[in-house]
Amino acid sequence: APRLPCSPFVLFSNKIRQSVKDENPGIEFLEMGRKIGEKWRALDSEERKKFEEEAGVLRLSYLEKKKQWENQNKR
């Protein structure tokens, strides 16, 4: 089966994770999550919309692949 698409937050997190690590050497996992969450909440609606649109495109692609997979794997 195809993998589920990433949420807008996960796309954002993947994009900024390395820069958060670079800004905070030795940061622990939970603290990293907190910092990324703070940055996500601080985004304005235009910036957040970019990630929401990308997630929407990925979701449509996922639904198409899922449909194809289901059709190929009918019993």
N, C-alpha and C. Protein backbone atom coordinates (compact mmCIF):
# COMPACT_ATOMS: atom_id res chain seq x y z
N ALA A 1 0.84 -1.19 0.00
CA ALA A 1 0.00 0.00 0.00
C ALA A 1 0.88 1.25 0.00
N PRO A 2 0.40 2.31 -0.60
CA PRO A 2 1.19 3.56 -0.59
C PRO A 2 1.23 4.15 0.82
N ARG A 3 2.29 4.90 1.08
CA ARG A 3 2.44 5.54 2.39
C ARG A 3 1.53 6.76 2.48
N LEU A 4 1.05 7.01 3.70
CA LEU A 4 0.23 8.21 3.93
C LEU A 4 1.06 9.46 3.68
N PRO A 5 0.44 10.52 3.18
CA PRO A 5 1.18 11.76 2.94
C PRO A 5 1.48 12.49 4.25
N CYS A 6 2.46 13.35 4.21
CA CYS A 6 2.83 14.16 5.38
C CYS A 6 1.81 15.27 5.59
N SER A 7 1.64 15.62 6.86
CA SER A 7 0.79 16.77 7.21
C SER A 7 1.56 18.06 6.93
N PRO A 8 0.87 19.19 6.89
CA PRO A 8 1.58 20.46 6.71
C PRO A 8 2.66 20.68 7.77
N PHE A 9 2.36 20.33 9.02
CA PHE A 9 3.34 20.51 10.08
C PHE A 9 4.58 19.65 9.85
N VAL A 10 4.39 18.42 9.43
CA VAL A 10 5.54 17.53 9.19
C VAL A 10 6.39 18.07 8.04
N LEU A 11 5.77 18.57 7.00
CA LEU A 11 6.53 19.16 5.89
C LEU A 11 7.36 20.34 6.39
N PHE A 12 6.75 21.19 7.21
CA PHE A 12 7.46 22.33 7.79
C PHE A 12 8.61 21.84 8.68
N SER A 13 8.32 20.87 9.52
CA SER A 13 9.32 20.33 10.43
C SER A 13 10.51 19.77 9.67
N ASN A 14 10.24 19.01 8.62
CA ASN A 14 11.33 18.45 7.81
C ASN A 14 12.19 19.54 7.19
N LYS A 15 11.55 20.65 6.82
CA LYS A 15 12.27 21.73 6.16
C LYS A 15 13.20 22.47 7.12
N ILE A 16 12.77 22.67 8.37
CA ILE A 16 13.56 23.52 9.27
C ILE A 16 14.35 22.75 10.33
N ARG A 17 14.18 21.44 10.40
CA ARG A 17 14.83 20.66 11.47
C ARG A 17 16.34 20.90 11.52
N GLN A 18 17.01 20.87 10.38
CA GLN A 18 18.47 21.02 10.38
C GLN A 18 18.88 22.41 10.86
N SER A 19 18.15 23.44 10.45
CA SER A 19 18.52 24.78 10.91
C SER A 19 18.31 24.94 12.41
N VAL A 20 17.28 24.29 12.95
CA VAL A 20 17.07 24.32 14.41
C VAL A 20 18.23 23.60 15.11
N LYS A 21 18.67 22.47 14.54
CA LYS A 21 19.83 21.75 15.10
C LYS A 21 21.08 22.62 15.05
N ASP A 22 21.29 23.29 13.93
CA ASP A 22 22.47 24.14 13.77
C ASP A 22 22.46 25.30 14.76
N GLU A 23 21.29 25.86 15.02
CA GLU A 23 21.16 26.98 15.96
C GLU A 23 21.30 26.52 17.41
N ASN A 24 21.02 25.23 17.67
CA ASN A 24 21.00 24.69 19.03
C ASN A 24 21.77 23.38 19.09
N PRO A 25 23.10 23.41 18.99
CA PRO A 25 23.87 22.16 19.02
C PRO A 25 23.58 21.36 20.29
N GLY A 26 23.44 20.06 20.14
CA GLY A 26 23.21 19.19 21.28
C GLY A 26 21.78 19.21 21.80
N ILE A 27 20.87 19.81 21.05
CA ILE A 27 19.47 19.90 21.49
C ILE A 27 18.86 18.51 21.59
N GLU A 28 18.06 18.29 22.62
CA GLU A 28 17.39 17.00 22.80
C GLU A 28 16.12 16.95 21.95
N PHE A 29 15.67 15.74 21.70
CA PHE A 29 14.54 15.50 20.81
C PHE A 29 13.29 16.28 21.23
N LEU A 30 12.92 16.21 22.51
CA LEU A 30 11.71 16.88 22.96
C LEU A 30 11.82 18.40 22.83
N GLU A 31 12.97 18.93 23.16
CA GLU A 31 13.17 20.37 23.03
C GLU A 31 13.12 20.79 21.56
N MET A 32 13.66 19.95 20.69
CA MET A 32 13.60 20.23 19.25
C MET A 32 12.14 20.32 18.82
N GLY A 33 11.32 19.38 19.27
CA GLY A 33 9.90 19.41 18.93
C GLY A 33 9.21 20.68 19.42
N ARG A 34 9.57 21.10 20.62
CA ARG A 34 8.99 22.33 21.17
C ARG A 34 9.36 23.54 20.32
N LYS A 35 10.64 23.62 19.95
CA LYS A 35 11.10 24.77 19.16
C LYS A 35 10.44 24.79 17.78
N ILE A 36 10.35 23.63 17.16
CA ILE A 36 9.70 23.56 15.85
C ILE A 36 8.23 23.93 15.98
N GLY A 37 7.57 23.46 17.03
CA GLY A 37 6.17 23.82 17.27
C GLY A 37 5.99 25.31 17.46
N GLU A 38 6.91 25.93 18.19
CA GLU A 38 6.84 27.39 18.38
C GLU A 38 6.97 28.12 17.05
N LYS A 39 7.91 27.65 16.23
CA LYS A 39 8.11 28.29 14.92
C LYS A 39 6.87 28.10 14.04
N TRP A 40 6.25 26.92 14.11
CA TRP A 40 5.04 26.64 13.33
C TRP A 40 3.91 27.58 13.76
N ARG A 41 3.72 27.73 15.05
CA ARG A 41 2.66 28.60 15.54
C ARG A 41 2.93 30.07 15.21
N ALA A 42 4.19 30.42 15.04
CA ALA A 42 4.55 31.80 14.73
C ALA A 42 4.42 32.15 13.24
N LEU A 43 4.23 31.14 12.40
CA LEU A 43 4.10 31.42 10.96
C LEU A 43 2.86 32.25 10.68
N ASP A 44 2.98 33.16 9.73
CA ASP A 44 1.78 33.89 9.32
C ASP A 44 0.97 32.99 8.37
N SER A 45 -0.25 33.39 8.09
CA SER A 45 -1.15 32.54 7.32
C SER A 45 -0.63 32.28 5.90
N GLU A 46 0.07 33.24 5.30
CA GLU A 46 0.61 33.03 3.95
C GLU A 46 1.69 31.95 3.94
N GLU A 47 2.58 32.01 4.92
CA GLU A 47 3.65 31.01 4.99
C GLU A 47 3.06 29.63 5.28
N ARG A 48 2.10 29.57 6.19
CA ARG A 48 1.49 28.29 6.54
C ARG A 48 0.72 27.72 5.35
N LYS A 49 0.10 28.60 4.57
CA LYS A 49 -0.69 28.17 3.42
C LYS A 49 0.16 27.40 2.41
N LYS A 50 1.43 27.79 2.26
CA LYS A 50 2.33 27.08 1.33
C LYS A 50 2.45 25.61 1.72
N PHE A 51 2.61 25.35 3.01
CA PHE A 51 2.75 23.97 3.48
C PHE A 51 1.41 23.23 3.38
N GLU A 52 0.32 23.93 3.63
CA GLU A 52 -1.00 23.32 3.51
C GLU A 52 -1.29 22.94 2.06
N GLU A 53 -0.90 23.80 1.13
CA GLU A 53 -1.11 23.49 -0.29
C GLU A 53 -0.25 22.31 -0.74
N GLU A 54 1.00 22.29 -0.29
CA GLU A 54 1.88 21.17 -0.64
C GLU A 54 1.32 19.86 -0.09
N ALA A 55 0.82 19.90 1.15
CA ALA A 55 0.23 18.71 1.76
C ALA A 55 -1.02 18.28 0.99
N GLY A 56 -1.78 19.24 0.50
CA GLY A 56 -2.97 18.93 -0.29
C GLY A 56 -2.62 18.21 -1.59
N VAL A 57 -1.58 18.67 -2.25
CA VAL A 57 -1.11 18.02 -3.48
C VAL A 57 -0.65 16.59 -3.18
N LEU A 58 0.10 16.43 -2.09
CA LEU A 58 0.57 15.10 -1.71
C LEU A 58 -0.60 14.18 -1.37
N ARG A 59 -1.63 14.73 -0.73
CA ARG A 59 -2.80 13.93 -0.37
C ARG A 59 -3.53 13.45 -1.63
N LEU A 60 -3.70 14.34 -2.60
CA LEU A 60 -4.36 13.93 -3.85
C LEU A 60 -3.57 12.83 -4.55
N SER A 61 -2.26 12.98 -4.57
CA SER A 61 -1.40 11.96 -5.17
C SER A 61 -1.54 10.63 -4.43
N TYR A 62 -1.58 10.71 -3.10
CA TYR A 62 -1.74 9.50 -2.28
C TYR A 62 -3.07 8.82 -2.61
N LEU A 63 -4.15 9.59 -2.68
CA LEU A 63 -5.46 9.00 -2.94
C LEU A 63 -5.49 8.30 -4.30
N GLU A 64 -4.82 8.89 -5.30
CA GLU A 64 -4.75 8.27 -6.62
C GLU A 64 -3.96 6.96 -6.56
N LYS A 65 -2.82 6.99 -5.89
CA LYS A 65 -2.00 5.78 -5.76
C LYS A 65 -2.73 4.70 -4.97
N LYS A 66 -3.46 5.12 -3.95
CA LYS A 66 -4.21 4.17 -3.12
C LYS A 66 -5.28 3.49 -3.96
N LYS A 67 -5.97 4.29 -4.78
CA LYS A 67 -7.02 3.74 -5.64
C LYS A 67 -6.42 2.72 -6.62
N GLN A 68 -5.29 3.07 -7.24
CA GLN A 68 -4.62 2.15 -8.16
C GLN A 68 -4.20 0.87 -7.43
N TRP A 69 -3.66 1.03 -6.23
CA TRP A 69 -3.20 -0.13 -5.46
C TRP A 69 -4.38 -1.03 -5.11
N GLU A 70 -5.50 -0.43 -4.71
CA GLU A 70 -6.68 -1.22 -4.36
C GLU A 70 -7.21 -1.97 -5.57
N ASN A 71 -7.20 -1.33 -6.74
CA ASN A 71 -7.68 -1.99 -7.96
C ASN A 71 -6.78 -3.15 -8.35
N GLN A 72 -5.48 -3.03 -8.13
CA GLN A 72 -4.54 -4.09 -8.47
C GLN A 72 -4.61 -5.25 -7.49
N ASN A 73 -5.05 -4.98 -6.27
CA ASN A 73 -5.03 -6.00 -5.23
C ASN A 73 -6.41 -6.49 -4.83
N LYS A 74 -7.37 -6.38 -5.74
CA LYS A 74 -8.70 -6.92 -5.46
C LYS A 74 -8.63 -8.43 -5.52
N ARG A 75 -9.44 -9.02 -4.69
CA ARG A 75 -9.46 -10.50 -4.68
C ARG A 75 -10.57 -11.02 -5.53
